[in-house]
C-alpha cells in the first residue's frame, strides 16, 4: 500500500550508518583527546536522557489517548443505543397512525 508523503511511519532502524570505532593508541591520548572524550560522553548522556524523556512523554500520551478512546467508544455506544431507541419509538408512532 502506498502512503501519502505527509504520513509518518515509525522505523526504528538508524537513518545513517554508524562510524567505525577507531582504536587510539595510548601515546596519542593527549589532553585534547580526553577533552573530546569528556565532551562526547556528556553529549551522549544528554542524548540518552532526552530519548528516555521522549519515551516517557510518548507513553503518557499513549495512556491518555487510550482513555480518551475508551470514553469516546462508550459515548458512541450510548448514542447508537439512543438512536435505536428513538427509531423504535418513531416506527411505533408511525405504525399507530
N, C-alpha and C. Protein backbone atom coordinates (compact mmCIF):
# COMPACT_ATOMS: atom_id res chain seq x y z
N UNK A 1 0.85 -1.18 0.00
CA UNK A 1 0.00 0.00 0.00
C UNK A 1 0.89 1.23 0.00
N UNK A 2 0.56 2.18 -0.84
CA UNK A 2 1.31 3.44 -0.92
C UNK A 2 0.83 4.39 0.16
N UNK A 3 1.78 5.06 0.79
CA UNK A 3 1.43 6.03 1.83
C UNK A 3 1.63 7.44 1.28
N UNK A 4 0.75 8.36 1.69
CA UNK A 4 0.99 9.76 1.30
C UNK A 4 2.30 10.25 1.91
N UNK A 5 2.92 11.23 1.26
CA UNK A 5 4.21 11.72 1.73
C UNK A 5 4.15 12.33 3.11
N UNK A 6 2.99 12.89 3.48
CA UNK A 6 2.89 13.56 4.78
C UNK A 6 2.58 12.59 5.92
N UNK A 7 2.35 11.31 5.61
CA UNK A 7 2.04 10.34 6.66
C UNK A 7 3.34 9.74 7.20
N UNK A 8 3.55 9.85 8.50
CA UNK A 8 4.79 9.37 9.13
C UNK A 8 4.66 7.90 9.47
N UNK A 9 5.70 7.16 9.18
CA UNK A 9 5.74 5.75 9.56
C UNK A 9 6.98 5.53 10.40
N UNK A 10 6.79 5.00 11.61
CA UNK A 10 7.90 4.76 12.53
C UNK A 10 8.81 3.68 11.99
N UNK A 11 10.11 3.97 11.98
CA UNK A 11 11.11 2.99 11.57
C UNK A 11 12.23 3.04 12.61
N UNK A 12 12.37 1.98 13.42
CA UNK A 12 13.35 2.01 14.50
C UNK A 12 14.80 1.91 14.03
N UNK A 13 15.02 1.63 12.76
CA UNK A 13 16.39 1.50 12.27
C UNK A 13 17.04 2.88 12.16
N UNK A 14 18.35 2.96 12.42
CA UNK A 14 19.03 4.25 12.33
C UNK A 14 19.00 4.79 10.90
N UNK A 15 18.99 6.10 10.78
CA UNK A 15 18.92 6.73 9.47
C UNK A 15 20.24 6.54 8.72
N UNK A 16 21.35 6.74 9.40
CA UNK A 16 22.65 6.62 8.75
C UNK A 16 23.47 5.49 9.33
N UNK A 17 24.59 5.26 8.71
CA UNK A 17 25.50 4.23 9.21
C UNK A 17 26.33 4.80 10.34
N UNK A 18 26.62 3.97 11.32
CA UNK A 18 27.46 4.37 12.44
C UNK A 18 28.92 4.32 11.99
N UNK A 19 29.68 5.32 12.41
CA UNK A 19 31.11 5.35 12.05
C UNK A 19 31.83 4.21 12.77
N UNK A 20 32.79 3.63 12.08
CA UNK A 20 33.58 2.56 12.71
C UNK A 20 34.43 3.14 13.82
N UNK A 21 34.50 2.41 14.92
CA UNK A 21 35.34 2.87 16.04
C UNK A 21 36.80 2.74 15.65
N UNK A 22 37.55 3.75 16.00
CA UNK A 22 38.98 3.73 15.70
C UNK A 22 39.72 3.55 17.02
N UNK A 23 40.60 2.60 17.05
CA UNK A 23 41.41 2.39 18.24
C UNK A 23 42.48 3.48 18.28
N UNK A 24 42.54 4.17 19.41
CA UNK A 24 43.54 5.23 19.58
C UNK A 24 44.62 4.71 20.53
N UNK A 25 45.84 4.62 20.05
CA UNK A 25 46.93 4.15 20.91
C UNK A 25 47.12 5.08 22.11
N UNK A 26 47.60 4.51 23.22
CA UNK A 26 47.78 5.29 24.46
C UNK A 26 48.67 6.51 24.25
N UNK A 27 49.69 6.40 23.41
CA UNK A 27 50.60 7.53 23.24
C UNK A 27 49.93 8.71 22.51
N UNK A 28 48.78 8.47 21.85
CA UNK A 28 48.06 9.56 21.17
C UNK A 28 46.95 10.15 22.04
N UNK A 29 46.79 9.65 23.25
CA UNK A 29 45.72 10.13 24.14
C UNK A 29 46.22 11.32 24.95
N UNK A 30 46.23 12.47 24.28
CA UNK A 30 46.70 13.70 24.93
C UNK A 30 45.52 14.43 25.57
N UNK A 31 45.78 15.65 26.07
CA UNK A 31 44.72 16.44 26.72
C UNK A 31 43.57 16.75 25.77
N UNK A 32 43.91 17.01 24.51
CA UNK A 32 42.87 17.31 23.52
C UNK A 32 41.96 16.11 23.32
N UNK A 33 42.55 14.92 23.26
CA UNK A 33 41.78 13.67 23.12
C UNK A 33 40.82 13.51 24.29
N UNK A 34 41.32 13.68 25.52
CA UNK A 34 40.48 13.47 26.70
C UNK A 34 39.39 14.54 26.79
N UNK A 35 39.70 15.76 26.36
CA UNK A 35 38.68 16.81 26.35
C UNK A 35 37.55 16.43 25.38
N UNK A 36 37.92 15.90 24.21
CA UNK A 36 36.91 15.45 23.24
C UNK A 36 36.09 14.31 23.81
N UNK A 37 36.74 13.36 24.48
CA UNK A 37 36.04 12.21 25.07
C UNK A 37 35.03 12.66 26.12
N UNK A 38 35.47 13.57 27.00
CA UNK A 38 34.58 14.08 28.05
C UNK A 38 33.38 14.78 27.40
N UNK A 39 33.66 15.62 26.40
CA UNK A 39 32.59 16.35 25.71
C UNK A 39 31.62 15.36 25.04
N UNK A 40 32.17 14.33 24.40
CA UNK A 40 31.33 13.33 23.75
C UNK A 40 30.50 12.55 24.76
N UNK A 41 31.10 12.19 25.88
CA UNK A 41 30.37 11.44 26.91
C UNK A 41 29.21 12.27 27.47
N UNK A 42 29.45 13.56 27.67
CA UNK A 42 28.39 14.45 28.16
C UNK A 42 27.26 14.52 27.13
N UNK A 43 27.63 14.68 25.86
CA UNK A 43 26.63 14.76 24.79
C UNK A 43 25.84 13.45 24.68
N UNK A 44 26.52 12.32 24.81
CA UNK A 44 25.85 11.02 24.73
C UNK A 44 24.88 10.84 25.89
N UNK A 45 25.30 11.24 27.08
CA UNK A 45 24.42 11.15 28.26
C UNK A 45 23.18 12.02 28.06
N UNK A 46 23.41 13.25 27.58
CA UNK A 46 22.30 14.18 27.33
C UNK A 46 21.34 13.59 26.29
N UNK A 47 21.89 12.99 25.25
CA UNK A 47 21.07 12.38 24.20
C UNK A 47 20.24 11.22 24.75
N UNK A 48 20.85 10.38 25.57
CA UNK A 48 20.12 9.25 26.17
C UNK A 48 19.01 9.75 27.08
N UNK A 49 19.33 10.77 27.89
CA UNK A 49 18.33 11.33 28.80
C UNK A 49 17.15 11.92 28.02
N UNK A 50 17.47 12.63 26.94
CA UNK A 50 16.40 13.23 26.12
C UNK A 50 15.54 12.14 25.49
N UNK A 51 16.18 11.05 25.03
CA UNK A 51 15.43 9.95 24.43
C UNK A 51 14.53 9.29 25.46
N UNK A 52 15.06 9.07 26.67
CA UNK A 52 14.24 8.48 27.75
C UNK A 52 13.05 9.38 28.08
N UNK A 53 13.31 10.69 28.16
CA UNK A 53 12.23 11.64 28.47
C UNK A 53 11.17 11.60 27.37
N UNK A 54 11.60 11.55 26.13
CA UNK A 54 10.66 11.49 25.00
C UNK A 54 9.84 10.21 25.07
N UNK A 55 10.47 9.08 25.42
CA UNK A 55 9.75 7.82 25.56
C UNK A 55 8.71 7.89 26.67
N UNK A 56 9.07 8.55 27.78
CA UNK A 56 8.12 8.73 28.89
C UNK A 56 6.94 9.57 28.43
N UNK A 57 7.22 10.67 27.71
CA UNK A 57 6.15 11.53 27.22
C UNK A 57 5.24 10.78 26.26
N UNK A 58 5.82 9.98 25.38
CA UNK A 58 5.02 9.20 24.42
C UNK A 58 4.16 8.20 25.16
N UNK A 59 4.72 7.54 26.17
CA UNK A 59 3.97 6.57 26.96
C UNK A 59 2.79 7.24 27.68
N UNK A 60 3.03 8.42 28.25
CA UNK A 60 1.95 9.14 28.93
C UNK A 60 0.86 9.55 27.94
N UNK A 61 1.27 10.03 26.77
CA UNK A 61 0.31 10.44 25.74
C UNK A 61 -0.49 9.22 25.28
N UNK A 62 0.18 8.08 25.13
CA UNK A 62 -0.47 6.83 24.72
C UNK A 62 -1.58 6.48 25.71
N UNK A 63 -1.25 6.52 27.01
CA UNK A 63 -2.24 6.19 28.04
C UNK A 63 -3.41 7.16 28.01
N UNK A 64 -3.10 8.45 27.82
CA UNK A 64 -4.17 9.45 27.76
C UNK A 64 -5.07 9.19 26.55
N UNK A 65 -4.47 8.87 25.41
CA UNK A 65 -5.25 8.61 24.20
C UNK A 65 -6.08 7.33 24.35
N UNK A 66 -5.54 6.32 25.03
CA UNK A 66 -6.31 5.10 25.27
C UNK A 66 -7.55 5.40 26.11
N UNK A 67 -7.38 6.23 27.16
CA UNK A 67 -8.53 6.60 28.00
C UNK A 67 -9.56 7.38 27.19
N UNK A 68 -9.08 8.33 26.38
CA UNK A 68 -9.99 9.13 25.57
C UNK A 68 -10.72 8.24 24.56
N UNK A 69 -10.00 7.30 23.97
CA UNK A 69 -10.60 6.38 23.01
C UNK A 69 -11.69 5.55 23.67
N UNK A 70 -11.43 5.04 24.88
CA UNK A 70 -12.43 4.25 25.60
C UNK A 70 -13.66 5.11 25.91
N UNK A 71 -13.43 6.36 26.33
CA UNK A 71 -14.54 7.26 26.63
C UNK A 71 -15.37 7.53 25.37
N UNK A 72 -14.69 7.77 24.25
CA UNK A 72 -15.40 8.04 23.00
C UNK A 72 -16.16 6.82 22.50
N UNK A 73 -15.58 5.63 22.69
CA UNK A 73 -16.30 4.41 22.30
C UNK A 73 -17.57 4.24 23.13
N UNK A 74 -17.47 4.53 24.42
CA UNK A 74 -18.64 4.45 25.30
C UNK A 74 -19.69 5.47 24.87
N UNK A 75 -19.24 6.68 24.58
CA UNK A 75 -20.17 7.73 24.14
C UNK A 75 -20.84 7.34 22.83
N UNK A 76 -20.06 6.78 21.91
CA UNK A 76 -20.61 6.33 20.63
C UNK A 76 -21.67 5.25 20.85
N UNK A 77 -21.38 4.30 21.73
CA UNK A 77 -22.34 3.23 22.00
C UNK A 77 -23.63 3.80 22.60
N UNK A 78 -23.50 4.77 23.51
CA UNK A 78 -24.68 5.41 24.09
C UNK A 78 -25.50 6.12 23.03
N UNK A 79 -24.83 6.81 22.11
CA UNK A 79 -25.54 7.50 21.03
C UNK A 79 -26.23 6.51 20.10
N UNK A 80 -25.57 5.39 19.81
CA UNK A 80 -26.19 4.36 18.97
C UNK A 80 -27.42 3.79 19.65
N UNK A 81 -27.29 3.52 20.97
CA UNK A 81 -28.43 2.99 21.72
C UNK A 81 -29.59 3.99 21.71
N UNK A 82 -29.27 5.27 21.90
CA UNK A 82 -30.31 6.32 21.92
C UNK A 82 -30.96 6.43 20.55
N UNK A 83 -30.17 6.39 19.48
CA UNK A 83 -30.71 6.47 18.12
C UNK A 83 -31.63 5.28 17.85
N UNK A 84 -31.21 4.10 18.28
CA UNK A 84 -32.02 2.90 18.10
C UNK A 84 -33.34 3.03 18.86
N UNK A 85 -33.26 3.54 20.07
CA UNK A 85 -34.44 3.74 20.91
C UNK A 85 -35.41 4.72 20.24
N UNK A 86 -34.89 5.82 19.72
CA UNK A 86 -35.72 6.83 19.06
C UNK A 86 -36.33 6.30 17.76
N UNK A 87 -35.55 5.52 17.01
CA UNK A 87 -36.08 4.91 15.78
C UNK A 87 -37.22 3.96 16.10
N UNK A 88 -37.08 3.22 17.18
CA UNK A 88 -38.13 2.29 17.60
C UNK A 88 -39.40 3.05 17.96
N UNK A 89 -39.26 4.14 18.74
CA UNK A 89 -40.42 4.95 19.12
C UNK A 89 -41.08 5.56 17.89
N UNK A 90 -40.26 6.04 16.94
CA UNK A 90 -40.79 6.64 15.72
C UNK A 90 -41.57 5.62 14.91
N UNK A 91 -41.01 4.42 14.76
CA UNK A 91 -41.72 3.39 13.98
C UNK A 91 -43.00 2.96 14.68
N UNK A 92 -43.02 2.95 16.02
CA UNK A 92 -44.24 2.61 16.76
C UNK A 92 -45.30 3.68 16.55
N UNK A 93 -44.88 4.97 16.55
CA UNK A 93 -45.83 6.07 16.33
C UNK A 93 -46.40 6.01 14.92
N UNK A 94 -45.51 5.73 13.94
CA UNK A 94 -45.96 5.68 12.55
C UNK A 94 -46.89 4.50 12.33
N UNK A 95 -46.63 3.40 13.00
CA UNK A 95 -47.48 2.20 12.86
C UNK A 95 -48.84 2.44 13.52
N UNK A 96 -48.89 3.27 14.54
CA UNK A 96 -50.12 3.55 15.27
C UNK A 96 -51.06 4.45 14.51
N UNK A 97 -50.59 5.22 13.56
CA UNK A 97 -51.44 6.15 12.82
C UNK A 97 -52.15 5.50 11.70
